[in-house]
Amino acid sequence: MKKGSRIRKILGGMLRYLVATVSLSIVFYIVFALFFSTEEERRLERENRLYRQLYGNLTQKEALISDVVDGLMEKDEAIYRELFETDAPSMDAVTAADMIPESDSLSESFYLSSAASTAESLMLMAGNVDDNFREIFRLLEQRDSIPPLSLPLQGMSYVQTGASLGMKHNPIHKLEMQHDGLDLIAPQGSPVYAAADGVVTQEIHSRKGLGNIVEITHKSGYATRYCLLGDINVHKGRTVKRGQQIGTVGISTTAPAAHLHYEVRYRGTVLDPINYLFASVTPDEYAKMLYMSVRTAQSMD
């Protein structure tokens, strides 16, 4: 009986010792966790403070950039309404989620630092764009500096774009020759329109070379020439408005197919007409027209 009682006392003491040890361990862990930090925890806390600071700055810049973009869009709309009497072409917005793939393994700190750097760049760019808009509005007030920006053919697609300015293979002479305009392919008889307000300074009727030609001189110092016409609807000395029909697309014995040969000049200097059509089509359509004009090695006249 005494032996059993002694064993129970020993087991009870061991149990009390074990309970006391575990309890003290828990208390020490809680105290350590509350009042002491590991190096890893201190590093994470520093990063969290940095992220909170960056996030606050980025939120302020995002709101400012959003206001700037809204202002630029309003100015863009005003320019298109003033110049072309139409709304500015829309561009689809790209969100951050579209730009970052799900499988991306880069750290959050990388994106935060990149976002901060991008925000700074956007602020600088917005300032430059705003300066450019102010210059555009200054030119709009003068009006004499605006080049002819409308398409001479309506409803055309980029596939109708032929060779533009430069050395091109001539289909008649079978040689590389200077091509001073832009070939716009269209059915015979298609209406041809003035690219800007101006005065008809040349009206040429011919069966040779570039055939029937109308030249319009604009107040800005620019001149546009519409060649290989079929019918001519205006006469020399006549004032015309942008978008007014001046003739039709023709065809000649020196051209392999019906098309309009369109030229742009500034105070006598030959310019590439493709550079003045961006405002009449969508950005995607213009990019394709530009590619076609550069890649087409053979002229049609």
Protein backbone atom coordinates (compact mmCIF):
# COMPACT_ATOMS: atom_id res chain seq x y z
CA MET A 1 0.00 0.00 0.00
CA LYS A 2 2.82 2.34 0.89
CA LYS A 3 4.62 1.39 -2.31
CA GLY A 4 1.59 2.29 -4.47
CA SER A 5 1.15 5.60 -2.67
CA ARG A 6 4.82 6.44 -3.27
CA ILE A 7 4.48 5.73 -7.02
CA ARG A 8 1.42 7.95 -7.26
CA LYS A 9 3.29 10.78 -5.55
CA ILE A 10 6.17 10.43 -8.02
CA LEU A 11 3.83 10.40 -11.04
CA GLY A 12 1.89 13.35 -9.67
CA GLY A 13 5.08 15.31 -9.16
CA MET A 14 6.24 14.55 -12.70
CA LEU A 15 2.88 15.61 -14.09
CA ARG A 16 2.94 18.87 -12.13
CA TYR A 17 6.49 19.48 -13.32
CA LEU A 18 5.48 18.86 -16.94
CA VAL A 19 2.44 21.16 -16.69
CA ALA A 20 4.53 23.88 -15.05
CA THR A 21 7.23 23.58 -17.71
CA VAL A 22 4.74 23.82 -20.61
CA SER A 23 2.93 26.73 -18.96
CA LEU A 24 6.18 28.63 -18.42
CA SER A 25 7.18 27.96 -22.03
CA ILE A 26 3.92 29.39 -23.28
CA VAL A 27 4.25 32.44 -21.03
CA PHE A 28 7.86 33.02 -22.18
CA TYR A 29 6.83 32.67 -25.86
CA ILE A 30 4.01 35.18 -25.43
CA VAL A 31 6.28 37.66 -23.64
CA PHE A 32 9.02 37.20 -26.26
CA ALA A 33 6.57 37.62 -29.12
CA LEU A 34 5.10 40.77 -27.58
CA PHE A 35 8.32 42.53 -26.65
CA PHE A 36 11.01 41.08 -28.93
CA SER A 37 11.21 40.75 -32.75
CA THR A 38 13.33 38.49 -34.89
CA GLU A 39 15.49 39.91 -37.67
CA GLU A 40 13.04 38.55 -40.26
CA GLU A 41 10.11 40.22 -38.52
CA ARG A 42 11.97 43.52 -38.31
CA ARG A 43 12.77 43.32 -42.05
CA LEU A 44 9.13 42.62 -42.89
CA GLU A 45 7.99 45.50 -40.73
CA ARG A 46 10.39 47.88 -42.50
CA GLU A 47 9.08 46.69 -45.87
CA ASN A 48 5.48 47.16 -44.74
CA ARG A 49 6.21 50.74 -43.65
CA LEU A 50 7.84 51.41 -47.04
CA TYR A 51 4.89 49.90 -48.89
CA ARG A 52 2.42 52.00 -46.90
CA GLN A 53 4.36 55.13 -47.76
CA LEU A 54 4.66 54.20 -51.45
CA TYR A 55 0.99 53.28 -51.65
CA GLY A 56 -0.03 56.66 -50.25
CA ASN A 57 2.19 58.50 -52.73
CA LEU A 58 0.98 56.38 -55.64
CA THR A 59 -2.66 56.96 -54.71
CA GLN A 60 -2.12 60.72 -54.80
CA LYS A 61 -0.25 60.53 -58.13
CA GLU A 62 -2.87 58.21 -59.62
CA ALA A 63 -5.58 60.75 -58.84
CA LEU A 64 -3.47 63.57 -60.29
CA ILE A 65 -2.62 61.59 -63.45
CA SER A 66 -6.30 60.68 -63.87
CA ASP A 67 -7.20 64.38 -63.78
CA VAL A 68 -4.43 65.18 -66.29
CA VAL A 69 -5.58 62.40 -68.67
CA ASP A 70 -9.19 63.62 -68.48
CA GLY A 71 -7.99 67.12 -69.32
CA LEU A 72 -5.91 65.88 -72.26
CA MET A 73 -8.87 63.90 -73.59
CA GLU A 74 -11.06 67.02 -73.46
CA LYS A 75 -8.40 68.99 -75.34
CA ASP A 76 -8.06 66.19 -77.90
CA GLU A 77 -11.82 66.21 -78.47
CA ALA A 78 -11.76 70.00 -78.87
CA ILE A 79 -9.02 69.80 -81.52
CA TYR A 80 -10.83 67.13 -83.54
CA ARG A 81 -14.12 69.04 -83.37
CA GLU A 82 -12.36 72.26 -84.42
CA LEU A 83 -10.37 70.72 -87.28
CA PHE A 84 -12.45 67.80 -88.54
CA GLU A 85 -15.92 68.41 -87.07
CA THR A 86 -15.95 64.91 -85.63
CA ASP A 87 -15.12 63.06 -82.41
CA ALA A 88 -11.57 61.94 -81.69
CA PRO A 89 -10.87 58.23 -82.33
CA SER A 90 -11.20 56.12 -79.19
CA MET A 91 -8.43 53.91 -77.86
CA ASP A 92 -9.21 50.80 -75.79
CA ALA A 93 -7.91 51.11 -72.23
CA VAL A 94 -5.45 48.49 -70.99
CA THR A 95 -5.71 47.60 -67.32
CA ALA A 96 -2.92 46.45 -65.06
CA ALA A 97 -4.53 43.01 -64.87
CA ASP A 98 -4.20 42.68 -68.65
CA MET A 99 -0.51 43.48 -68.47
CA ILE A 100 0.49 41.08 -65.65
CA PRO A 101 0.12 37.36 -66.42
CA GLU A 102 -1.25 35.04 -63.72
CA SER A 103 1.93 32.96 -63.80
CA ASP A 104 4.13 35.97 -63.05
CA SER A 105 6.47 35.30 -60.13
CA LEU A 106 7.97 38.78 -59.67
CA SER A 107 7.76 40.25 -56.18
CA GLU A 108 5.29 42.89 -55.05
CA SER A 109 8.18 45.20 -54.25
CA PHE A 110 9.22 45.05 -57.92
CA TYR A 111 5.76 46.18 -59.06
CA LEU A 112 5.57 48.89 -56.43
CA SER A 113 8.95 50.34 -57.39
CA SER A 114 8.08 50.01 -61.10
CA ALA A 115 4.74 51.72 -60.53
CA ALA A 116 6.42 54.58 -58.69
CA SER A 117 8.95 55.02 -61.50
CA THR A 118 6.19 54.83 -64.14
CA ALA A 119 4.11 57.40 -62.27
CA GLU A 120 7.04 59.84 -62.29
CA SER A 121 7.54 59.26 -66.03
CA LEU A 122 3.84 59.75 -66.71
CA MET A 123 3.85 63.05 -64.86
CA LEU A 124 6.76 64.29 -66.99
CA MET A 125 5.11 63.05 -70.18
CA ALA A 126 1.81 64.67 -69.24
CA GLY A 127 3.58 67.99 -68.85
CA ASN A 128 5.18 67.63 -72.28
CA VAL A 129 1.88 66.64 -73.90
CA ASP A 130 0.15 69.59 -72.26
CA ASP A 131 2.80 71.92 -73.71
CA ASN A 132 2.21 70.36 -77.14
CA PHE A 133 -1.53 70.89 -76.83
CA ARG A 134 -0.96 74.55 -75.99
CA GLU A 135 1.15 74.88 -79.15
CA ILE A 136 -1.59 73.18 -81.21
CA PHE A 137 -4.23 75.56 -79.86
CA ARG A 138 -1.93 78.48 -80.67
CA LEU A 139 -1.68 77.23 -84.25
CA LEU A 140 -5.44 76.72 -84.37
CA GLU A 141 -5.92 80.37 -83.50
CA GLN A 142 -3.64 81.35 -86.38
CA ARG A 143 -5.34 78.86 -88.71
CA ASP A 144 -2.85 79.62 -91.50
CA SER A 145 -0.48 76.90 -90.23
CA ILE A 146 -2.90 73.96 -90.46
CA PRO A 147 -1.99 71.52 -93.27
CA PRO A 148 -4.57 69.69 -95.42
CA LEU A 149 -5.48 66.67 -93.27
CA SER A 150 -8.61 65.16 -94.87
CA LEU A 151 -8.76 62.16 -97.18
CA PRO A 152 -9.48 63.03 -100.82
CA LEU A 153 -11.53 59.81 -101.07
CA GLN A 154 -14.32 58.92 -98.66
CA GLY A 155 -14.82 55.53 -97.03
CA MET A 156 -11.56 54.09 -98.31
CA SER A 157 -9.78 51.16 -96.65
CA TYR A 158 -6.06 50.68 -96.12
CA VAL A 159 -6.00 48.04 -98.88
CA GLN A 160 -6.60 50.88 -101.36
CA THR A 161 -3.27 52.47 -100.41
CA GLY A 162 -0.54 52.23 -103.04
CA ALA A 163 2.99 53.56 -103.38
CA SER A 164 3.89 56.85 -101.74
CA LEU A 165 6.82 59.25 -102.05
CA GLY A 166 10.25 57.95 -103.12
CA MET A 167 12.01 55.90 -105.77
CA LYS A 168 9.47 53.41 -107.14
CA HIS A 169 9.39 51.02 -110.08
CA ASN A 170 7.54 52.74 -112.92
CA PRO A 171 5.17 50.34 -114.77
CA ILE A 172 5.52 52.19 -118.10
CA HIS A 173 9.25 52.89 -118.29
CA LYS A 174 10.22 49.73 -116.33
CA LEU A 175 12.73 51.80 -114.36
CA GLU A 176 13.18 53.09 -110.82
CA MET A 177 11.81 56.65 -110.93
CA GLN A 178 10.95 59.34 -108.41
CA HIS A 179 7.31 59.14 -107.35
CA ASP A 180 6.04 62.46 -105.96
CA GLY A 181 2.63 61.46 -104.64
CA LEU A 182 0.46 58.78 -103.09
CA ASP A 183 -1.52 56.30 -105.18
CA LEU A 184 -5.05 55.77 -103.86
CA ILE A 185 -6.80 52.93 -105.66
CA ALA A 186 -10.51 53.45 -106.32
CA PRO A 187 -13.10 52.53 -108.97
CA GLN A 188 -13.31 54.78 -112.00
CA GLY A 189 -15.84 57.54 -111.38
CA SER A 190 -15.41 57.63 -107.58
CA PRO A 191 -15.83 61.17 -106.18
CA VAL A 192 -12.66 63.10 -105.30
CA TYR A 193 -12.87 65.72 -102.54
CA ALA A 194 -10.79 68.76 -101.54
CA ALA A 195 -8.57 67.97 -98.56
CA ALA A 196 -8.85 71.52 -97.15
CA ASP A 197 -10.24 74.96 -97.91
CA GLY A 198 -8.44 76.77 -100.71
CA VAL A 199 -8.42 78.22 -104.21
CA VAL A 200 -8.06 76.27 -107.45
CA THR A 201 -4.79 77.50 -108.95
CA GLN A 202 -4.42 74.90 -111.73
CA GLU A 203 -6.93 73.11 -113.94
CA ILE A 204 -5.15 70.92 -116.47
CA HIS A 205 -6.86 68.77 -119.13
CA SER A 206 -4.44 66.31 -120.70
CA ARG A 207 -4.21 62.77 -122.07
CA LYS A 208 -0.52 62.50 -121.24
CA GLY A 209 1.53 62.10 -118.06
CA LEU A 210 -0.63 62.53 -114.97
CA GLY A 211 -3.68 63.35 -117.11
CA ASN A 212 -6.35 65.70 -115.82
CA ILE A 213 -5.10 67.65 -112.79
CA VAL A 214 -6.60 70.02 -110.24
CA GLU A 215 -4.28 71.95 -107.94
CA ILE A 216 -5.62 73.70 -104.85
CA THR A 217 -3.55 76.26 -102.96
CA HIS A 218 -4.36 76.66 -99.28
CA LYS A 219 -3.85 79.67 -96.99
CA SER A 220 -1.38 77.72 -94.89
CA GLY A 221 1.21 77.71 -97.70
CA TYR A 222 0.34 74.13 -98.60
CA ALA A 223 -0.93 72.98 -101.98
CA THR A 224 -2.62 69.72 -102.95
CA ARG A 225 -2.69 68.19 -106.44
CA TYR A 226 -5.29 65.66 -107.60
CA CYS A 227 -4.06 63.85 -110.72
CA LEU A 228 -5.40 61.29 -113.20
CA LEU A 229 -8.91 62.66 -112.77
CA GLY A 230 -11.82 61.67 -114.99
CA ASP A 231 -14.24 64.57 -114.71
CA ILE A 232 -13.26 67.95 -113.26
CA ASN A 233 -16.02 69.78 -111.35
CA VAL A 234 -14.19 73.05 -110.58
CA HIS A 235 -12.44 75.77 -112.51
CA LYS A 236 -9.27 77.81 -112.00
CA GLY A 237 -9.79 80.69 -109.57
CA ARG A 238 -12.71 78.97 -107.85
CA THR A 239 -12.78 78.91 -104.03
CA VAL A 240 -13.48 75.45 -102.62
CA LYS A 241 -14.25 74.10 -99.15
CA ARG A 242 -12.82 71.05 -97.43
CA GLY A 243 -14.89 68.02 -98.39
CA GLN A 244 -16.27 69.63 -101.57
CA GLN A 245 -16.22 67.36 -104.63
CA ILE A 246 -13.74 68.61 -107.22
CA GLY A 247 -13.81 65.70 -109.68
CA THR A 248 -13.83 61.94 -110.12
CA VAL A 249 -11.25 59.17 -110.30
CA GLY A 250 -10.18 58.50 -113.86
CA ILE A 251 -7.98 56.15 -115.82
CA SER A 252 -5.44 56.72 -118.57
CA THR A 253 -3.46 54.72 -121.11
CA THR A 254 -0.35 55.24 -118.98
CA ALA A 255 -1.84 53.75 -115.79
CA PRO A 256 -2.49 50.02 -115.25
CA ALA A 257 -5.66 50.67 -113.18
CA ALA A 258 -7.98 53.45 -112.10
CA HIS A 259 -6.58 55.40 -109.16
CA LEU A 260 -6.03 58.89 -107.77
CA HIS A 261 -2.48 60.24 -107.73
CA TYR A 262 -2.51 62.63 -104.74
CA GLU A 263 0.28 65.12 -103.96
CA VAL A 264 0.98 67.51 -101.07
CA ARG A 265 3.46 70.40 -101.31
CA TYR A 266 4.55 73.15 -98.95
CA ARG A 267 5.83 76.32 -100.58
CA GLY A 268 6.97 74.23 -103.55
CA THR A 269 8.58 71.42 -101.55
CA VAL A 270 7.18 67.93 -102.25
CA LEU A 271 5.92 66.19 -99.09
CA ASP A 272 4.78 62.64 -98.40
CA PRO A 273 0.93 62.73 -98.41
CA ILE A 274 0.66 59.69 -96.13
CA ASN A 275 1.90 61.87 -93.25
CA TYR A 276 -1.22 64.03 -93.49
CA LEU A 277 -3.97 61.40 -93.40
CA PHE A 278 -3.75 60.25 -89.76
CA ALA A 279 -6.65 62.42 -88.62
CA SER A 280 -9.14 60.98 -91.11
CA VAL A 281 -8.90 57.30 -90.06
CA THR A 282 -8.52 55.25 -86.89
CA PRO A 283 -5.00 54.72 -85.47
CA ASP A 284 -5.07 51.06 -86.50
CA GLU A 285 -6.19 51.88 -90.05
CA TYR A 286 -3.55 54.59 -90.37
CA ALA A 287 -0.78 52.23 -89.22
CA LYS A 288 -1.81 49.78 -91.95
CA MET A 289 -1.98 52.56 -94.58
CA LEU A 290 1.49 53.73 -93.60
CA TYR A 291 2.85 50.18 -93.91
CA MET A 292 1.24 49.71 -97.34
CA SER A 293 2.58 53.01 -98.68
CA VAL A 294 6.14 52.21 -97.62
CA ARG A 295 6.15 48.55 -98.68
CA THR A 296 4.61 49.08 -102.13
CA ALA A 297 7.62 49.17 -104.48
CA GLN A 298 5.79 49.92 -107.75
CA SER A 299 3.88 53.07 -108.57
CA MET A 300 0.76 53.02 -110.73
CA ASP A 301 1.66 56.00 -112.94
